[in-house]
Amino acid sequence: MGAFLIFLIGTALAVAGVSYGLYVVGVGTTWIIVANLIIIGIAVASGAGLAKKRGGSGEATQVNVNADSNGGGSSNGN
């Protein structure tokens, strides 16, 4: 949950910073909202991509590998 919280805080800071910067420059409210929606959309897409890479549950993926007793060589005894 820690990484997700940091991700949310970063997104909120980005939205707040862009909003304030656009307001100071004199951009209209409509365009500020559009910019914020774009930032939030990018954040959602990035978050979904990160969650998919982690397997969604945050648990490590376990891989079982079976090796034969003769080291993987031929089974004819040579």
PDB file of N, CA and C in Angstrom:
ATOM      1  N   MET A   1       0.816  -1.183   0.000  1.00  0.00           N
ATOM      2  CA  MET A   1       0.000   0.000   0.000  1.00  0.00           C
ATOM      3  C   MET A   1       0.860   1.248   0.000  1.00  0.00           C
ATOM      4  N   GLY A   2       2.084   1.151   0.461  1.00  0.00           N
ATOM      5  CA  GLY A   2       2.972   2.305   0.540  1.00  0.00           C
ATOM      6  C   GLY A   2       3.284   2.894  -0.823  1.00  0.00           C
ATOM      7  N   ALA A   3       3.566   2.047  -1.801  1.00  0.00           N
ATOM      8  CA  ALA A   3       3.890   2.536  -3.140  1.00  0.00           C
ATOM      9  C   ALA A   3       2.679   3.205  -3.790  1.00  0.00           C
ATOM     10  N   PHE A   4       1.499   2.643  -3.541  1.00  0.00           N
ATOM     11  CA  PHE A   4       0.288   3.231  -4.112  1.00  0.00           C
ATOM     12  C   PHE A   4       0.010   4.598  -3.495  1.00  0.00           C
ATOM     13  N   LEU A   5       0.242   4.739  -2.196  1.00  0.00           N
ATOM     14  CA  LEU A   5       0.034   6.015  -1.526  1.00  0.00           C
ATOM     15  C   LEU A   5       0.995   7.071  -2.070  1.00  0.00           C
ATOM     16  N   ILE A   6       2.238   6.706  -2.265  1.00  0.00           N
ATOM     17  CA  ILE A   6       3.212   7.630  -2.842  1.00  0.00           C
ATOM     18  C   ILE A   6       2.793   8.022  -4.253  1.00  0.00           C
ATOM     19  N   PHE A   7       2.282   7.067  -5.012  1.00  0.00           N
ATOM     20  CA  PHE A   7       1.809   7.336  -6.372  1.00  0.00           C
ATOM     21  C   PHE A   7       0.655   8.335  -6.351  1.00  0.00           C
ATOM     22  N   LEU A   8      -0.295   8.156  -5.423  1.00  0.00           N
ATOM     23  CA  LEU A   8      -1.426   9.081  -5.306  1.00  0.00           C
ATOM     24  C   LEU A   8      -0.974  10.475  -4.895  1.00  0.00           C
ATOM     25  N   ILE A   9      -0.053  10.553  -3.960  1.00  0.00           N
ATOM     26  CA  ILE A   9       0.451  11.855  -3.525  1.00  0.00           C
ATOM     27  C   ILE A   9       1.165  12.556  -4.676  1.00  0.00           C
ATOM     28  N   GLY A  10       1.953  11.820  -5.427  1.00  0.00           N
ATOM     29  CA  GLY A  10       2.640  12.405  -6.583  1.00  0.00           C
ATOM     30  C   GLY A  10       1.668  12.916  -7.635  1.00  0.00           C
ATOM     31  N   THR A  11       0.615  12.156  -7.872  1.00  0.00           N
ATOM     32  CA  THR A  11      -0.397  12.584  -8.840  1.00  0.00           C
ATOM     33  C   THR A  11      -1.102  13.847  -8.353  1.00  0.00           C
ATOM     34  N   ALA A  12      -1.450  13.879  -7.065  1.00  0.00           N
ATOM     35  CA  ALA A  12      -2.115  15.056  -6.510  1.00  0.00           C
ATOM     36  C   ALA A  12      -1.216  16.288  -6.588  1.00  0.00           C
ATOM     37  N   LEU A  13       0.066  16.111  -6.303  1.00  0.00           N
ATOM     38  CA  LEU A  13       1.000  17.233  -6.397  1.00  0.00           C
ATOM     39  C   LEU A  13       1.149  17.710  -7.840  1.00  0.00           C
ATOM     40  N   ALA A  14       1.175  16.790  -8.784  1.00  0.00           N
ATOM     41  CA  ALA A  14       1.279  17.177 -10.192  1.00  0.00           C
ATOM     42  C   ALA A  14       0.047  17.960 -10.629  1.00  0.00           C
ATOM     43  N   VAL A  15      -1.133  17.486 -10.237  1.00  0.00           N
ATOM     44  CA  VAL A  15      -2.371  18.189 -10.596  1.00  0.00           C
ATOM     45  C   VAL A  15      -2.383  19.576  -9.966  1.00  0.00           C
ATOM     46  N   ALA A  16      -2.019  19.657  -8.688  1.00  0.00           N
ATOM     47  CA  ALA A  16      -2.025  20.952  -7.998  1.00  0.00           C
ATOM     48  C   ALA A  16      -1.018  21.919  -8.607  1.00  0.00           C
ATOM     49  N   GLY A  17       0.166  21.426  -8.922  1.00  0.00           N
ATOM     50  CA  GLY A  17       1.198  22.291  -9.505  1.00  0.00           C
ATOM     51  C   GLY A  17       0.828  22.806 -10.883  1.00  0.00           C
ATOM     52  N   VAL A  18       0.315  21.923 -11.710  1.00  0.00           N
ATOM     53  CA  VAL A  18      -0.094  22.342 -13.060  1.00  0.00           C
ATOM     54  C   VAL A  18      -1.275  23.300 -12.978  1.00  0.00           C
ATOM     55  N   SER A  19      -2.215  23.019 -12.082  1.00  0.00           N
ATOM     56  CA  SER A  19      -3.372  23.902 -11.929  1.00  0.00           C
ATOM     57  C   SER A  19      -2.944  25.297 -11.509  1.00  0.00           C
ATOM     58  N   TYR A  20      -2.080  25.373 -10.509  1.00  0.00           N
ATOM     59  CA  TYR A  20      -1.620  26.675 -10.036  1.00  0.00           C
ATOM     60  C   TYR A  20      -0.832  27.413 -11.119  1.00  0.00           C
ATOM     61  N   GLY A  21       0.049  26.684 -11.791  1.00  0.00           N
ATOM     62  CA  GLY A  21       0.838  27.320 -12.850  1.00  0.00           C
ATOM     63  C   GLY A  21      -0.026  27.870 -13.970  1.00  0.00           C
ATOM     64  N   LEU A  22      -1.007  27.106 -14.392  1.00  0.00           N
ATOM     65  CA  LEU A  22      -1.900  27.575 -15.449  1.00  0.00           C
ATOM     66  C   LEU A  22      -2.755  28.743 -14.974  1.00  0.00           C
ATOM     67  N   TYR A  23      -3.156  28.737 -13.720  1.00  0.00           N
ATOM     68  CA  TYR A  23      -3.948  29.829 -13.168  1.00  0.00           C
ATOM     69  C   TYR A  23      -3.129  31.124 -13.131  1.00  0.00           C
ATOM     70  N   VAL A  24      -1.870  31.022 -12.716  1.00  0.00           N
ATOM     71  CA  VAL A  24      -1.000  32.200 -12.640  1.00  0.00           C
ATOM     72  C   VAL A  24      -0.763  32.780 -14.025  1.00  0.00           C
ATOM     73  N   VAL A  25      -0.624  31.930 -15.012  1.00  0.00           N
ATOM     74  CA  VAL A  25      -0.385  32.393 -16.378  1.00  0.00           C
ATOM     75  C   VAL A  25      -1.639  33.044 -16.960  1.00  0.00           C
ATOM     76  N   GLY A  26      -2.801  32.680 -16.451  1.00  0.00           N
ATOM     77  CA  GLY A  26      -4.035  33.290 -16.921  1.00  0.00           C
ATOM     78  C   GLY A  26      -4.854  32.414 -17.844  1.00  0.00           C
ATOM     79  N   VAL A  27      -4.595  31.126 -17.802  1.00  0.00           N
ATOM     80  CA  VAL A  27      -5.347  30.196 -18.644  1.00  0.00           C
ATOM     81  C   VAL A  27      -6.749  30.044 -18.062  1.00  0.00           C
ATOM     82  N   GLY A  28      -7.724  29.867 -18.913  1.00  0.00           N
ATOM     83  CA  GLY A  28      -9.109  29.728 -18.483  1.00  0.00           C
ATOM     84  C   GLY A  28      -9.361  28.453 -17.694  1.00  0.00           C
ATOM     85  N   THR A  29     -10.413  28.494 -16.885  1.00  0.00           N
ATOM     86  CA  THR A  29     -10.755  27.371 -16.016  1.00  0.00           C
ATOM     87  C   THR A  29     -11.018  26.094 -16.805  1.00  0.00           C
ATOM     88  N   THR A  30     -11.654  26.231 -17.955  1.00  0.00           N
ATOM     89  CA  THR A  30     -11.950  25.049 -18.771  1.00  0.00           C
ATOM     90  C   THR A  30     -10.679  24.317 -19.168  1.00  0.00           C
ATOM     91  N   TRP A  31      -9.669  25.072 -19.572  1.00  0.00           N
ATOM     92  CA  TRP A  31      -8.419  24.444 -20.008  1.00  0.00           C
ATOM     93  C   TRP A  31      -7.633  23.881 -18.839  1.00  0.00           C
ATOM     94  N   ILE A  32      -7.775  24.491 -17.671  1.00  0.00           N
ATOM     95  CA  ILE A  32      -7.135  23.934 -16.476  1.00  0.00           C
ATOM     96  C   ILE A  32      -7.755  22.574 -16.151  1.00  0.00           C
ATOM     97  N   ILE A  33      -9.072  22.479 -16.250  1.00  0.00           N
ATOM     98  CA  ILE A  33      -9.754  21.208 -15.999  1.00  0.00           C
ATOM     99  C   ILE A  33      -9.342  20.160 -17.027  1.00  0.00           C
ATOM    100  N   VAL A  34      -9.229  20.577 -18.282  1.00  0.00           N
ATOM    101  CA  VAL A  34      -8.803  19.643 -19.337  1.00  0.00           C
ATOM    102  C   VAL A  34      -7.396  19.125 -19.042  1.00  0.00           C
ATOM    103  N   ALA A  35      -6.496  20.013 -18.666  1.00  0.00           N
ATOM    104  CA  ALA A  35      -5.122  19.597 -18.353  1.00  0.00           C
ATOM    105  C   ALA A  35      -5.101  18.627 -17.176  1.00  0.00           C
ATOM    106  N   ASN A  36      -5.928  18.908 -16.160  1.00  0.00           N
ATOM    107  CA  ASN A  36      -5.984  18.022 -14.997  1.00  0.00           C
ATOM    108  C   ASN A  36      -6.541  16.656 -15.350  1.00  0.00           C
ATOM    109  N   LEU A  37      -7.549  16.619 -16.204  1.00  0.00           N
ATOM    110  CA  LEU A  37      -8.095  15.335 -16.637  1.00  0.00           C
ATOM    111  C   LEU A  37      -7.067  14.525 -17.421  1.00  0.00           C
ATOM    112  N   ILE A  38      -6.266  15.201 -18.216  1.00  0.00           N
ATOM    113  CA  ILE A  38      -5.204  14.505 -18.959  1.00  0.00           C
ATOM    114  C   ILE A  38      -4.178  13.918 -17.989  1.00  0.00           C
ATOM    115  N   ILE A  39      -3.781  14.698 -16.992  1.00  0.00           N
ATOM    116  CA  ILE A  39      -2.811  14.214 -16.003  1.00  0.00           C
ATOM    117  C   ILE A  39      -3.376  13.014 -15.246  1.00  0.00           C
ATOM    118  N   ILE A  40      -4.632  13.116 -14.827  1.00  0.00           N
ATOM    119  CA  ILE A  40      -5.258  12.016 -14.094  1.00  0.00           C
ATOM    120  C   ILE A  40      -5.377  10.777 -14.984  1.00  0.00           C
ATOM    121  N   GLY A  41      -5.695  10.963 -16.261  1.00  0.00           N
ATOM    122  CA  GLY A  41      -5.775   9.837 -17.191  1.00  0.00           C
ATOM    123  C   GLY A  41      -4.438   9.139 -17.363  1.00  0.00           C
ATOM    124  N   ILE A  42      -3.382   9.924 -17.474  1.00  0.00           N
ATOM    125  CA  ILE A  42      -2.043   9.343 -17.582  1.00  0.00           C
ATOM    126  C   ILE A  42      -1.694   8.593 -16.305  1.00  0.00           C
ATOM    127  N   ALA A  43      -2.064   9.152 -15.161  1.00  0.00           N
ATOM    128  CA  ALA A  43      -1.776   8.502 -13.878  1.00  0.00           C
ATOM    129  C   ALA A  43      -2.522   7.176 -13.747  1.00  0.00           C
ATOM    130  N   VAL A  44      -3.779   7.156 -14.162  1.00  0.00           N
ATOM    131  CA  VAL A  44      -4.561   5.915 -14.085  1.00  0.00           C
ATOM    132  C   VAL A  44      -3.963   4.859 -15.007  1.00  0.00           C
ATOM    133  N   ALA A  45      -3.595   5.257 -16.222  1.00  0.00           N
ATOM    134  CA  ALA A  45      -3.001   4.303 -17.161  1.00  0.00           C
ATOM    135  C   ALA A  45      -1.661   3.787 -16.636  1.00  0.00           C
ATOM    136  N   SER A  46      -0.856   4.664 -16.057  1.00  0.00           N
ATOM    137  CA  SER A  46       0.430   4.241 -15.497  1.00  0.00           C
ATOM    138  C   SER A  46       0.229   3.318 -14.307  1.00  0.00           C
ATOM    139  N   GLY A  47      -0.720   3.654 -13.458  1.00  0.00           N
ATOM    140  CA  GLY A  47      -0.999   2.815 -12.296  1.00  0.00           C
ATOM    141  C   GLY A  47      -1.483   1.441 -12.695  1.00  0.00           C
ATOM    142  N   ALA A  48      -2.320   1.369 -13.715  1.00  0.00           N
ATOM    143  CA  ALA A  48      -2.798   0.071 -14.193  1.00  0.00           C
ATOM    144  C   ALA A  48      -1.648  -0.739 -14.775  1.00  0.00           C
ATOM    145  N   GLY A  49      -0.759  -0.077 -15.493  1.00  0.00           N
ATOM    146  CA  GLY A  49       0.403  -0.769 -16.050  1.00  0.00           C
ATOM    147  C   GLY A  49       1.320  -1.302 -14.965  1.00  0.00           C
ATOM    148  N   LEU A  50       1.532  -0.511 -13.916  1.00  0.00           N
ATOM    149  CA  LEU A  50       2.379  -0.967 -12.815  1.00  0.00           C
ATOM    150  C   LEU A  50       1.730  -2.112 -12.061  1.00  0.00           C
ATOM    151  N   ALA A  51       0.426  -2.028 -11.848  1.00  0.00           N
ATOM    152  CA  ALA A  51      -0.278  -3.106 -11.142  1.00  0.00           C
ATOM    153  C   ALA A  51      -0.248  -4.394 -11.953  1.00  0.00           C
ATOM    154  N   LYS A  52      -0.342  -4.280 -13.267  1.00  0.00           N
ATOM    155  CA  LYS A  52      -0.316  -5.468 -14.122  1.00  0.00           C
ATOM    156  C   LYS A  52       1.063  -6.129 -14.079  1.00  0.00           C
ATOM    157  N   LYS A  53       2.129  -5.320 -14.047  1.00  0.00           N
ATOM    158  CA  LYS A  53       3.481  -5.870 -13.980  1.00  0.00           C
ATOM    159  C   LYS A  53       3.719  -6.602 -12.672  1.00  0.00           C
ATOM    160  N   ARG A  54       3.102  -6.124 -11.590  1.00  0.00           N
ATOM    161  CA  ARG A  54       3.280  -6.740 -10.279  1.00  0.00           C
ATOM    162  C   ARG A  54       2.345  -7.912 -10.077  1.00  0.00           C
ATOM    163  N   GLY A  55       1.478  -8.190 -11.013  1.00  0.00           N
ATOM    164  CA  GLY A  55       0.551  -9.300 -10.875  1.00  0.00           C
ATOM    165  C   GLY A  55      -0.761  -8.893 -10.238  1.00  0.00           C
ATOM    166  N   GLY A  56      -0.933  -7.624  -9.969  1.00  0.00           N
ATOM    167  CA  GLY A  56      -2.179  -7.141  -9.426  1.00  0.00           C
ATOM    168  C   GLY A  56      -2.315  -7.285  -7.926  1.00  0.00           C
ATOM    169  N   SER A  57      -1.791  -8.342  -7.341  1.00  0.00           N
ATOM    170  CA  SER A  57      -1.965  -8.572  -5.913  1.00  0.00           C
ATOM    171  C   SER A  57      -0.779  -8.082  -5.100  1.00  0.00           C
ATOM    172  N   GLY A  58       0.303  -7.691  -5.748  1.00  0.00           N
ATOM    173  CA  GLY A  58       1.478  -7.232  -5.028  1.00  0.00           C
ATOM    174  C   GLY A  58       2.366  -8.353  -4.534  1.00  0.00           C
ATOM    175  N   GLU A  59       1.983  -9.602  -4.779  1.00  0.00           N
ATOM    176  CA  GLU A  59       2.780 -10.735  -4.343  1.00  0.00           C
ATOM    177  C   GLU A  59       3.745 -11.152  -5.446  1.00  0.00           C
ATOM    178  N   ALA A  60       4.868 -11.722  -5.023  1.00  0.00           N
ATOM    179  CA  ALA A  60       5.857 -12.171  -5.989  1.00  0.00           C
ATOM    180  C   ALA A  60       5.341 -13.407  -6.724  1.00  0.00           C
ATOM    181  N   THR A  61       5.707 -13.525  -7.983  1.00  0.00           N
ATOM    182  CA  THR A  61       5.327 -14.687  -8.770  1.00  0.00           C
ATOM    183  C   THR A  61       6.306 -15.822  -8.477  1.00  0.00           C
ATOM    184  N   GLN A  62       5.783 -16.997  -8.199  1.00  0.00           N
ATOM    185  CA  GLN A  62       6.629 -18.137  -7.888  1.00  0.00           C
ATOM    186  C   GLN A  62       6.693 -19.054  -9.097  1.00  0.00           C
ATOM    187  N   VAL A  63       7.924 -19.438  -9.468  1.00  0.00           N
ATOM    188  CA  VAL A  63       8.141 -20.316 -10.610  1.00  0.00           C
ATOM    189  C   VAL A  63       8.779 -21.600 -10.119  1.00  0.00           C
ATOM    190  N   ASN A  64       8.189 -22.729 -10.451  1.00  0.00           N
ATOM    191  CA  ASN A  64       8.742 -24.036 -10.094  1.00  0.00           C
ATOM    192  C   ASN A  64       9.406 -24.647 -11.314  1.00  0.00           C
ATOM    193  N   VAL A  65      10.661 -25.078 -11.133  1.00  0.00           N
ATOM    194  CA  VAL A  65      11.404 -25.690 -12.222  1.00  0.00           C
ATOM    195  C   VAL A  65      11.802 -27.087 -11.787  1.00  0.00           C
ATOM    196  N   ASN A  66      11.463 -28.087 -12.590  1.00  0.00           N
ATOM    197  CA  ASN A  66      11.818 -29.467 -12.297  1.00  0.00           C
ATOM    198  C   ASN A  66      12.990 -29.876 -13.178  1.00  0.00           C
ATOM    199  N   ALA A  67      14.030 -30.408 -12.559  1.00  0.00           N
ATOM    200  CA  ALA A  67      15.196 -30.879 -13.303  1.00  0.00           C
ATOM    201  C   ALA A  67      15.341 -32.373 -13.073  1.00  0.00           C
ATOM    202  N   ASP A  68      15.721 -33.095 -14.132  1.00  0.00           N
ATOM    203  CA  ASP A  68      15.907 -34.529 -13.951  1.00  0.00           C
ATOM    204  C   ASP A  68      17.226 -34.792 -13.218  1.00  0.00           C
ATOM    205  N   SER A  69      17.368 -35.972 -12.657  1.00  0.00           N
ATOM    206  CA  SER A  69      18.501 -36.279 -11.782  1.00  0.00           C
ATOM    207  C   SER A  69      19.827 -36.414 -12.526  1.00  0.00           C
ATOM    208  N   ASN A  70      19.815 -36.625 -13.838  1.00  0.00           N
ATOM    209  CA  ASN A  70      21.074 -36.795 -14.556  1.00  0.00           C
ATOM    210  C   ASN A  70      21.572 -35.497 -15.183  1.00  0.00           C
ATOM    211  N   GLY A  71      21.073 -34.376 -14.734  1.00  0.00           N
ATOM    212  CA  GLY A  71      21.603 -33.105 -15.195  1.00  0.00           C
ATOM    213  C   GLY A  71      21.074 -32.660 -16.535  1.00  0.00           C
ATOM    214  N   GLY A  72      20.045 -33.272 -17.026  1.00  0.00           N
ATOM    215  CA  GLY A  72      19.459 -32.831 -18.276  1.00  0.00           C
ATOM    216  C   GLY A  72      20.064 -33.483 -19.508  1.00  0.00           C
ATOM    217  N   GLY A  73      20.965 -34.431 -19.339  1.00  0.00           N
ATOM    218  CA  GLY A  73      21.587 -35.099 -20.475  1.00  0.00           C
ATOM    219  C   GLY A  73      20.684 -36.151 -21.072  1.00  0.00           C
ATOM    220  N   SER A  74      21.222 -36.933 -21.962  1.00  0.00           N
ATOM    221  CA  SER A  74      20.412 -37.975 -22.590  1.00  0.00           C
ATOM    222  C   SER A  74      20.148 -39.101 -21.602  1.00  0.00           C
ATOM    223  N   SER A  75      19.076 -39.821 -21.787  1.00  0.00           N
ATOM    224  CA  SER A  75      18.699 -40.888 -20.843  1.00  0.00           C
ATOM    225  C   SER A  75      19.167 -42.273 -21.300  1.00  0.00           C
ATOM    226  N   ASN A  76      20.045 -42.352 -22.295  1.00  0.00           N
ATOM    227  CA  ASN A  76      20.483 -43.672 -22.779  1.00  0.00           C
ATOM    228  C   ASN A  76      21.717 -44.172 -22.047  1.00  0.00           C
ATOM    229  N   GLY A  77      22.207 -43.463 -21.028  1.00  0.00           N
ATOM    230  CA  GLY A  77      23.332 -43.959 -20.238  1.00  0.00           C
ATOM    231  C   GLY A  77      24.691 -43.588 -20.772  1.00  0.00           C
ATOM    232  N   ASN A  78      24.829 -42.826 -21.815  1.00  0.00           N
ATOM    233  CA  ASN A  78      26.142 -42.447 -22.365  1.00  0.00           C
ATOM    234  C   ASN A  78      26.672 -41.205 -21.758  1.00  0.00           C
TER     235      ASN A  78
END
